[in-house]
Each structure stands twice: as C-alpha cells, then as structure tokens.
Amino acid sequence: MKMIQEFKTFAMKGNVVDMAVGIIIGAAFGKIVSSLVNDVIMPPIGLLVGGIDFGNLSFTLKAATEAAPAVIIKYGVFINTIIDFVIVAWAIFMVIKGMNSLKKKQEEAPAAPPAPKEDIVLLTEIRNLLKK
C-alpha cells in the first residue's frame, strides 16, 4: 500500500504533470509540423526543382523478388524528416527565447522599496501627530 501512496505523490507533483502536458502537446505539434512540411512546404519545393515528390525519392539496393521485398533507401523521407526537425527546433528556440526575454524583463524590473522598520513608522506617526 505504501508503494501506491508514493506513486500517487510522485504522479501528482506539479513538474510531472507539466511534463506530461508538454509531451502530449509536443506530440500534437510534431504532427502539425509533419503535415506542414509534407503537405505545404515540400510540394512547392518539389515543383521548383522539377516536379519531384521528395517523399518518393529512393534508391533501390535490391529489386523485389517473389520471395523477398525490395531493399530500398528512402532518402526523400529522410529529407522531409530533417526539415521537420529544423522547423520544430526553430519553434522551440523561439519559445525559449521569448520565455528568457520575459524572465529577463521581470528580473530587471525595479523591486519595491523595503518597508520601513517599526521604530521609523512609529516615529513618523509621532511626528505627524505633533505637527497637528
């Protein structure tokens, strides 16, 4: 029973929950970027370089036979994956850069002056009363 309690404590920590949310959003973001690359970016690039579909670029090492499938190196898919990575890395870089600049602005903001000591406050009140 103690192990279940320890697991519950671990799973409910803020960092673990934040990490889980980040992983889920990251996976969804990865799918969006893959679609962006495969369906939006690569078709015009393929058109510019002569109507090539990068997803179909491959090099056949061994042709298919009745007994075995073909051995193919799909370098076009690899190119798409590299472009996916670059876009995701750029997006993460921009998010981190934005977070760092916000953090830097918060650090640079002037802190509120410290509250005066009790005796200073008391003396100020006495002075104000004497002025009246």
N, C-alpha and C. Protein backbone atom coordinates (compact mmCIF):
# COMPACT_ATOMS: atom_id res chain seq x y z
N MET A 1 0.82 -1.19 0.00
CA MET A 1 0.00 0.00 0.00
C MET A 1 0.87 1.26 0.00
N LYS A 2 2.03 1.20 0.65
CA LYS A 2 2.91 2.36 0.72
C LYS A 2 3.44 2.72 -0.67
N MET A 3 3.71 1.74 -1.50
CA MET A 3 4.22 1.99 -2.84
C MET A 3 3.18 2.75 -3.67
N ILE A 4 1.93 2.40 -3.53
CA ILE A 4 0.86 3.09 -4.26
C ILE A 4 0.78 4.54 -3.82
N GLN A 5 0.91 4.79 -2.52
CA GLN A 5 0.88 6.15 -1.99
C GLN A 5 2.07 6.96 -2.51
N GLU A 6 3.25 6.34 -2.55
CA GLU A 6 4.43 7.03 -3.07
C GLU A 6 4.25 7.36 -4.54
N PHE A 7 3.69 6.42 -5.31
CA PHE A 7 3.45 6.66 -6.73
C PHE A 7 2.46 7.80 -6.92
N LYS A 8 1.41 7.82 -6.12
CA LYS A 8 0.41 8.88 -6.20
C LYS A 8 1.05 10.24 -5.91
N THR A 9 1.90 10.29 -4.89
CA THR A 9 2.59 11.54 -4.56
C THR A 9 3.49 11.98 -5.71
N PHE A 10 4.21 11.02 -6.30
CA PHE A 10 5.09 11.32 -7.42
C PHE A 10 4.30 11.81 -8.62
N ALA A 11 3.22 11.12 -8.95
CA ALA A 11 2.45 11.44 -10.15
C ALA A 11 1.73 12.78 -10.03
N MET A 12 1.42 13.20 -8.82
CA MET A 12 0.68 14.44 -8.64
C MET A 12 1.56 15.66 -8.44
N LYS A 13 2.88 15.47 -8.45
CA LYS A 13 3.77 16.63 -8.35
C LYS A 13 3.58 17.50 -9.58
N GLY A 14 3.71 18.79 -9.40
CA GLY A 14 3.50 19.73 -10.50
C GLY A 14 4.40 19.49 -11.68
N ASN A 15 5.67 19.18 -11.43
CA ASN A 15 6.61 19.01 -12.53
C ASN A 15 6.24 17.83 -13.40
N VAL A 16 5.78 16.74 -12.80
CA VAL A 16 5.42 15.55 -13.57
C VAL A 16 4.20 15.84 -14.44
N VAL A 17 3.22 16.50 -13.89
CA VAL A 17 2.01 16.83 -14.65
C VAL A 17 2.37 17.81 -15.78
N ASP A 18 3.18 18.81 -15.48
CA ASP A 18 3.61 19.76 -16.51
C ASP A 18 4.35 19.04 -17.63
N MET A 19 5.23 18.11 -17.26
CA MET A 19 6.00 17.36 -18.26
C MET A 19 5.06 16.53 -19.13
N ALA A 20 4.06 15.89 -18.52
CA ALA A 20 3.12 15.08 -19.30
C ALA A 20 2.35 15.94 -20.29
N VAL A 21 1.90 17.11 -19.84
CA VAL A 21 1.18 18.02 -20.73
C VAL A 21 2.10 18.46 -21.86
N GLY A 22 3.34 18.76 -21.54
CA GLY A 22 4.31 19.17 -22.56
C GLY A 22 4.55 18.08 -23.60
N ILE A 23 4.63 16.85 -23.15
CA ILE A 23 4.85 15.73 -24.08
C ILE A 23 3.66 15.57 -25.01
N ILE A 24 2.46 15.65 -24.45
CA ILE A 24 1.25 15.49 -25.27
C ILE A 24 1.15 16.62 -26.30
N ILE A 25 1.38 17.85 -25.85
CA ILE A 25 1.32 18.98 -26.78
C ILE A 25 2.44 18.88 -27.81
N GLY A 26 3.62 18.44 -27.37
CA GLY A 26 4.74 18.27 -28.30
C GLY A 26 4.45 17.25 -29.38
N ALA A 27 3.80 16.14 -29.00
CA ALA A 27 3.45 15.12 -29.99
C ALA A 27 2.46 15.68 -31.01
N ALA A 28 1.48 16.42 -30.52
CA ALA A 28 0.50 17.03 -31.42
C ALA A 28 1.18 18.06 -32.33
N PHE A 29 2.09 18.84 -31.75
CA PHE A 29 2.82 19.85 -32.53
C PHE A 29 3.66 19.17 -33.60
N GLY A 30 4.26 18.01 -33.26
CA GLY A 30 5.05 17.26 -34.23
C GLY A 30 4.21 16.83 -35.42
N LYS A 31 2.98 16.40 -35.18
CA LYS A 31 2.10 16.00 -36.27
C LYS A 31 1.75 17.20 -37.15
N ILE A 32 1.53 18.35 -36.51
CA ILE A 32 1.21 19.55 -37.27
C ILE A 32 2.38 19.95 -38.16
N VAL A 33 3.58 19.89 -37.59
CA VAL A 33 4.77 20.26 -38.37
C VAL A 33 4.99 19.26 -39.50
N SER A 34 4.79 17.97 -39.25
CA SER A 34 4.95 16.98 -40.32
C SER A 34 3.98 17.25 -41.46
N SER A 35 2.75 17.58 -41.12
CA SER A 35 1.77 17.91 -42.15
C SER A 35 2.18 19.17 -42.89
N LEU A 36 2.66 20.17 -42.15
CA LEU A 36 3.12 21.41 -42.78
C LEU A 36 4.23 21.13 -43.79
N VAL A 37 5.18 20.32 -43.38
CA VAL A 37 6.31 20.01 -44.27
C VAL A 37 5.85 19.19 -45.46
N ASN A 38 5.14 18.09 -45.20
CA ASN A 38 4.76 17.18 -46.28
C ASN A 38 3.70 17.75 -47.22
N ASP A 39 2.76 18.53 -46.68
CA ASP A 39 1.63 18.95 -47.49
C ASP A 39 1.69 20.40 -47.97
N VAL A 40 2.51 21.24 -47.32
CA VAL A 40 2.55 22.66 -47.68
C VAL A 40 3.92 23.08 -48.21
N ILE A 41 4.98 22.72 -47.52
CA ILE A 41 6.32 23.21 -47.88
C ILE A 41 6.95 22.40 -49.01
N MET A 42 6.91 21.08 -48.91
CA MET A 42 7.62 20.26 -49.88
C MET A 42 7.01 20.26 -51.29
N PRO A 43 5.69 20.31 -51.47
CA PRO A 43 5.17 20.34 -52.85
C PRO A 43 5.69 21.53 -53.68
N PRO A 44 5.69 22.77 -53.14
CA PRO A 44 6.26 23.87 -53.95
C PRO A 44 7.76 23.70 -54.19
N ILE A 45 8.48 23.20 -53.18
CA ILE A 45 9.92 22.98 -53.38
C ILE A 45 10.13 21.92 -54.45
N GLY A 46 9.34 20.85 -54.40
CA GLY A 46 9.43 19.82 -55.43
C GLY A 46 9.12 20.37 -56.81
N LEU A 47 8.13 21.26 -56.88
CA LEU A 47 7.77 21.87 -58.16
C LEU A 47 8.92 22.74 -58.68
N LEU A 48 9.57 23.48 -57.77
CA LEU A 48 10.69 24.34 -58.18
C LEU A 48 11.87 23.54 -58.71
N VAL A 49 12.07 22.33 -58.19
CA VAL A 49 13.22 21.53 -58.63
C VAL A 49 12.82 20.49 -59.67
N GLY A 50 11.73 20.73 -60.37
CA GLY A 50 11.38 19.87 -61.49
C GLY A 50 10.26 18.89 -61.22
N GLY A 51 9.35 19.20 -60.34
CA GLY A 51 8.20 18.34 -60.09
C GLY A 51 8.52 17.08 -59.31
N ILE A 52 9.53 17.14 -58.47
CA ILE A 52 9.94 15.97 -57.69
C ILE A 52 9.14 15.90 -56.41
N ASP A 53 8.64 14.71 -56.08
CA ASP A 53 7.99 14.47 -54.80
C ASP A 53 9.06 13.87 -53.88
N PHE A 54 9.49 14.64 -52.90
CA PHE A 54 10.58 14.19 -52.04
C PHE A 54 10.24 12.92 -51.27
N GLY A 55 8.97 12.73 -50.96
CA GLY A 55 8.56 11.52 -50.23
C GLY A 55 8.80 10.25 -51.02
N ASN A 56 8.86 10.37 -52.35
CA ASN A 56 9.06 9.19 -53.19
C ASN A 56 10.50 9.00 -53.62
N LEU A 57 11.39 9.89 -53.25
CA LEU A 57 12.80 9.73 -53.63
C LEU A 57 13.40 8.54 -52.88
N SER A 58 14.00 7.65 -53.64
CA SER A 58 14.60 6.48 -53.01
C SER A 58 15.66 5.89 -53.92
N PHE A 59 16.44 5.01 -53.34
CA PHE A 59 17.49 4.31 -54.07
C PHE A 59 17.31 2.83 -53.80
N THR A 60 17.12 2.04 -54.83
CA THR A 60 16.88 0.61 -54.67
C THR A 60 18.21 -0.13 -54.63
N LEU A 61 18.44 -0.82 -53.52
CA LEU A 61 19.66 -1.62 -53.38
C LEU A 61 19.48 -3.01 -54.00
N LYS A 62 18.28 -3.56 -53.82
CA LYS A 62 18.00 -4.89 -54.34
C LYS A 62 16.54 -4.91 -54.77
N ALA A 63 16.31 -5.33 -55.99
CA ALA A 63 14.95 -5.37 -56.52
C ALA A 63 14.13 -6.44 -55.80
N ALA A 64 12.83 -6.26 -55.82
CA ALA A 64 11.95 -7.22 -55.17
C ALA A 64 11.91 -8.52 -55.95
N THR A 65 11.79 -9.61 -55.25
CA THR A 65 11.63 -10.92 -55.85
C THR A 65 10.34 -11.53 -55.31
N GLU A 66 10.00 -12.69 -55.80
CA GLU A 66 8.79 -13.35 -55.30
C GLU A 66 8.94 -13.70 -53.82
N ALA A 67 10.16 -13.99 -53.40
CA ALA A 67 10.40 -14.44 -52.03
C ALA A 67 10.68 -13.29 -51.06
N ALA A 68 11.19 -12.16 -51.57
CA ALA A 68 11.60 -11.08 -50.66
C ALA A 68 11.21 -9.73 -51.24
N PRO A 69 10.87 -8.80 -50.35
CA PRO A 69 10.57 -7.44 -50.85
C PRO A 69 11.85 -6.72 -51.24
N ALA A 70 11.69 -5.60 -51.93
CA ALA A 70 12.84 -4.80 -52.36
C ALA A 70 13.53 -4.18 -51.15
N VAL A 71 14.83 -3.98 -51.29
CA VAL A 71 15.62 -3.28 -50.27
C VAL A 71 15.84 -1.86 -50.80
N ILE A 72 15.23 -0.90 -50.11
CA ILE A 72 15.20 0.49 -50.61
C ILE A 72 15.69 1.45 -49.54
N ILE A 73 16.50 2.41 -49.95
CA ILE A 73 16.89 3.52 -49.07
C ILE A 73 16.00 4.71 -49.47
N LYS A 74 15.14 5.14 -48.56
CA LYS A 74 14.20 6.23 -48.83
C LYS A 74 14.77 7.55 -48.33
N TYR A 75 15.67 8.12 -49.11
CA TYR A 75 16.32 9.36 -48.67
C TYR A 75 15.38 10.56 -48.77
N GLY A 76 14.34 10.48 -49.57
CA GLY A 76 13.36 11.58 -49.65
C GLY A 76 12.60 11.75 -48.35
N VAL A 77 12.22 10.64 -47.73
CA VAL A 77 11.55 10.68 -46.43
C VAL A 77 12.50 11.26 -45.39
N PHE A 78 13.78 10.89 -45.51
CA PHE A 78 14.80 11.42 -44.59
C PHE A 78 14.92 12.94 -44.74
N ILE A 79 14.89 13.43 -45.96
CA ILE A 79 14.94 14.88 -46.19
C ILE A 79 13.74 15.56 -45.53
N ASN A 80 12.54 14.98 -45.70
CA ASN A 80 11.34 15.54 -45.06
C ASN A 80 11.50 15.55 -43.54
N THR A 81 12.06 14.49 -42.98
CA THR A 81 12.24 14.40 -41.53
C THR A 81 13.23 15.45 -41.04
N ILE A 82 14.27 15.71 -41.80
CA ILE A 82 15.24 16.75 -41.43
C ILE A 82 14.56 18.12 -41.42
N ILE A 83 13.73 18.38 -42.43
CA ILE A 83 13.02 19.66 -42.47
C ILE A 83 12.06 19.76 -41.30
N ASP A 84 11.37 18.66 -40.97
CA ASP A 84 10.51 18.62 -39.77
C ASP A 84 11.30 19.03 -38.54
N PHE A 85 12.46 18.42 -38.37
CA PHE A 85 13.29 18.69 -37.19
C PHE A 85 13.71 20.15 -37.14
N VAL A 86 14.11 20.70 -38.26
CA VAL A 86 14.57 22.10 -38.29
C VAL A 86 13.42 23.03 -37.89
N ILE A 87 12.22 22.77 -38.39
CA ILE A 87 11.08 23.62 -38.05
C ILE A 87 10.74 23.50 -36.57
N VAL A 88 10.71 22.27 -36.04
CA VAL A 88 10.42 22.08 -34.62
C VAL A 88 11.50 22.73 -33.77
N ALA A 89 12.77 22.54 -34.13
CA ALA A 89 13.87 23.14 -33.36
C ALA A 89 13.76 24.67 -33.39
N TRP A 90 13.42 25.24 -34.54
CA TRP A 90 13.28 26.70 -34.64
C TRP A 90 12.13 27.19 -33.76
N ALA A 91 11.01 26.47 -33.81
CA ALA A 91 9.85 26.88 -32.99
C ALA A 91 10.19 26.81 -31.51
N ILE A 92 10.85 25.75 -31.09
CA ILE A 92 11.24 25.63 -29.68
C ILE A 92 12.23 26.72 -29.31
N PHE A 93 13.17 27.01 -30.19
CA PHE A 93 14.13 28.08 -29.94
C PHE A 93 13.41 29.41 -29.73
N MET A 94 12.42 29.69 -30.57
CA MET A 94 11.70 30.96 -30.46
C MET A 94 10.90 31.02 -29.15
N VAL A 95 10.29 29.91 -28.75
CA VAL A 95 9.53 29.88 -27.49
C VAL A 95 10.47 30.12 -26.31
N ILE A 96 11.60 29.42 -26.29
CA ILE A 96 12.57 29.56 -25.19
C ILE A 96 13.14 30.98 -25.18
N LYS A 97 13.42 31.51 -26.36
CA LYS A 97 13.95 32.88 -26.44
C LYS A 97 12.93 33.87 -25.86
N GLY A 98 11.66 33.69 -26.20
CA GLY A 98 10.62 34.56 -25.67
C GLY A 98 10.49 34.44 -24.16
N MET A 99 10.54 33.21 -23.66
CA MET A 99 10.45 33.00 -22.21
C MET A 99 11.64 33.64 -21.50
N ASN A 100 12.84 33.49 -22.07
CA ASN A 100 14.02 34.09 -21.45
C ASN A 100 13.94 35.61 -21.45
N SER A 101 13.41 36.20 -22.52
CA SER A 101 13.32 37.67 -22.53
C SER A 101 12.28 38.15 -21.52
N LEU A 102 11.18 37.40 -21.34
CA LEU A 102 10.21 37.77 -20.31
C LEU A 102 10.81 37.65 -18.91
N LYS A 103 11.56 36.58 -18.70
CA LYS A 103 12.20 36.39 -17.40
C LYS A 103 13.21 37.49 -17.14
N LYS A 104 13.95 37.90 -18.18
CA LYS A 104 14.94 38.96 -18.02
C LYS A 104 14.27 40.28 -17.69
N LYS A 105 13.12 40.57 -18.33
CA LYS A 105 12.38 41.80 -18.04
C LYS A 105 11.88 41.80 -16.60
N GLN A 106 11.43 40.64 -16.12
CA GLN A 106 10.97 40.56 -14.74
C GLN A 106 12.12 40.79 -13.77
N GLU A 107 13.30 40.27 -14.09
CA GLU A 107 14.46 40.46 -13.22
C GLU A 107 14.92 41.91 -13.22
N GLU A 108 14.79 42.59 -14.37
CA GLU A 108 15.24 43.97 -14.48
C GLU A 108 14.26 44.95 -13.84
N ALA A 109 13.02 44.55 -13.68
CA ALA A 109 12.01 45.44 -13.10
C ALA A 109 12.45 45.82 -11.69
N PRO A 110 12.33 47.11 -11.37
CA PRO A 110 12.78 47.53 -10.03
C PRO A 110 11.89 46.92 -8.95
N ALA A 111 12.55 46.46 -7.93
CA ALA A 111 11.82 45.87 -6.80
C ALA A 111 11.23 46.99 -5.96
N ALA A 112 10.15 46.68 -5.29
CA ALA A 112 9.53 47.66 -4.40
C ALA A 112 10.48 47.98 -3.26
N PRO A 113 10.52 49.24 -2.85
CA PRO A 113 11.43 49.58 -1.75
C PRO A 113 11.02 48.81 -0.49
N PRO A 114 12.00 48.45 0.32
CA PRO A 114 11.67 47.69 1.52
C PRO A 114 10.83 48.53 2.48
N ALA A 115 9.97 47.86 3.21
CA ALA A 115 9.11 48.56 4.17
C ALA A 115 9.97 49.14 5.29
N PRO A 116 9.60 50.33 5.76
CA PRO A 116 10.41 50.92 6.85
C PRO A 116 10.27 50.10 8.12
N LYS A 117 11.28 50.23 8.96
CA LYS A 117 11.29 49.49 10.23
C LYS A 117 10.18 50.02 11.14
N GLU A 118 9.82 49.21 12.12
CA GLU A 118 8.73 49.56 13.04
C GLU A 118 8.99 50.86 13.79
N ASP A 119 10.22 51.05 14.24
CA ASP A 119 10.51 52.26 15.02
C ASP A 119 10.44 53.51 14.15
N ILE A 120 10.81 53.37 12.86
CA ILE A 120 10.72 54.51 11.95
C ILE A 120 9.25 54.86 11.72
N VAL A 121 8.41 53.86 11.53
CA VAL A 121 6.98 54.09 11.33
C VAL A 121 6.39 54.77 12.56
N LEU A 122 6.76 54.28 13.74
CA LEU A 122 6.25 54.85 14.99
C LEU A 122 6.70 56.30 15.15
N LEU A 123 7.96 56.58 14.88
CA LEU A 123 8.46 57.95 14.97
C LEU A 123 7.77 58.87 13.96
N THR A 124 7.50 58.35 12.77
CA THR A 124 6.81 59.14 11.76
C THR A 124 5.40 59.48 12.22
N GLU A 125 4.72 58.52 12.82
CA GLU A 125 3.37 58.77 13.33
C GLU A 125 3.40 59.82 14.45
N ILE A 126 4.39 59.72 15.33
CA ILE A 126 4.51 60.70 16.44
C ILE A 126 4.75 62.09 15.86
N ARG A 127 5.64 62.18 14.89
CA ARG A 127 5.94 63.47 14.26
C ARG A 127 4.68 64.06 13.63
N ASN A 128 3.94 63.22 12.92
CA ASN A 128 2.71 63.71 12.28
C ASN A 128 1.70 64.18 13.29
N LEU A 129 1.59 63.50 14.43
CA LEU A 129 0.67 63.91 15.49
C LEU A 129 1.10 65.23 16.13
N LEU A 130 2.41 65.40 16.31
CA LEU A 130 2.91 66.66 16.88
C LEU A 130 2.69 67.85 15.95
N LYS A 131 2.75 67.58 14.64
CA LYS A 131 2.53 68.66 13.66
C LYS A 131 1.09 69.17 13.75
N LYS A 132 0.17 68.28 14.06
CA LYS A 132 -1.24 68.68 14.16
C LYS A 132 -1.42 69.51 15.39
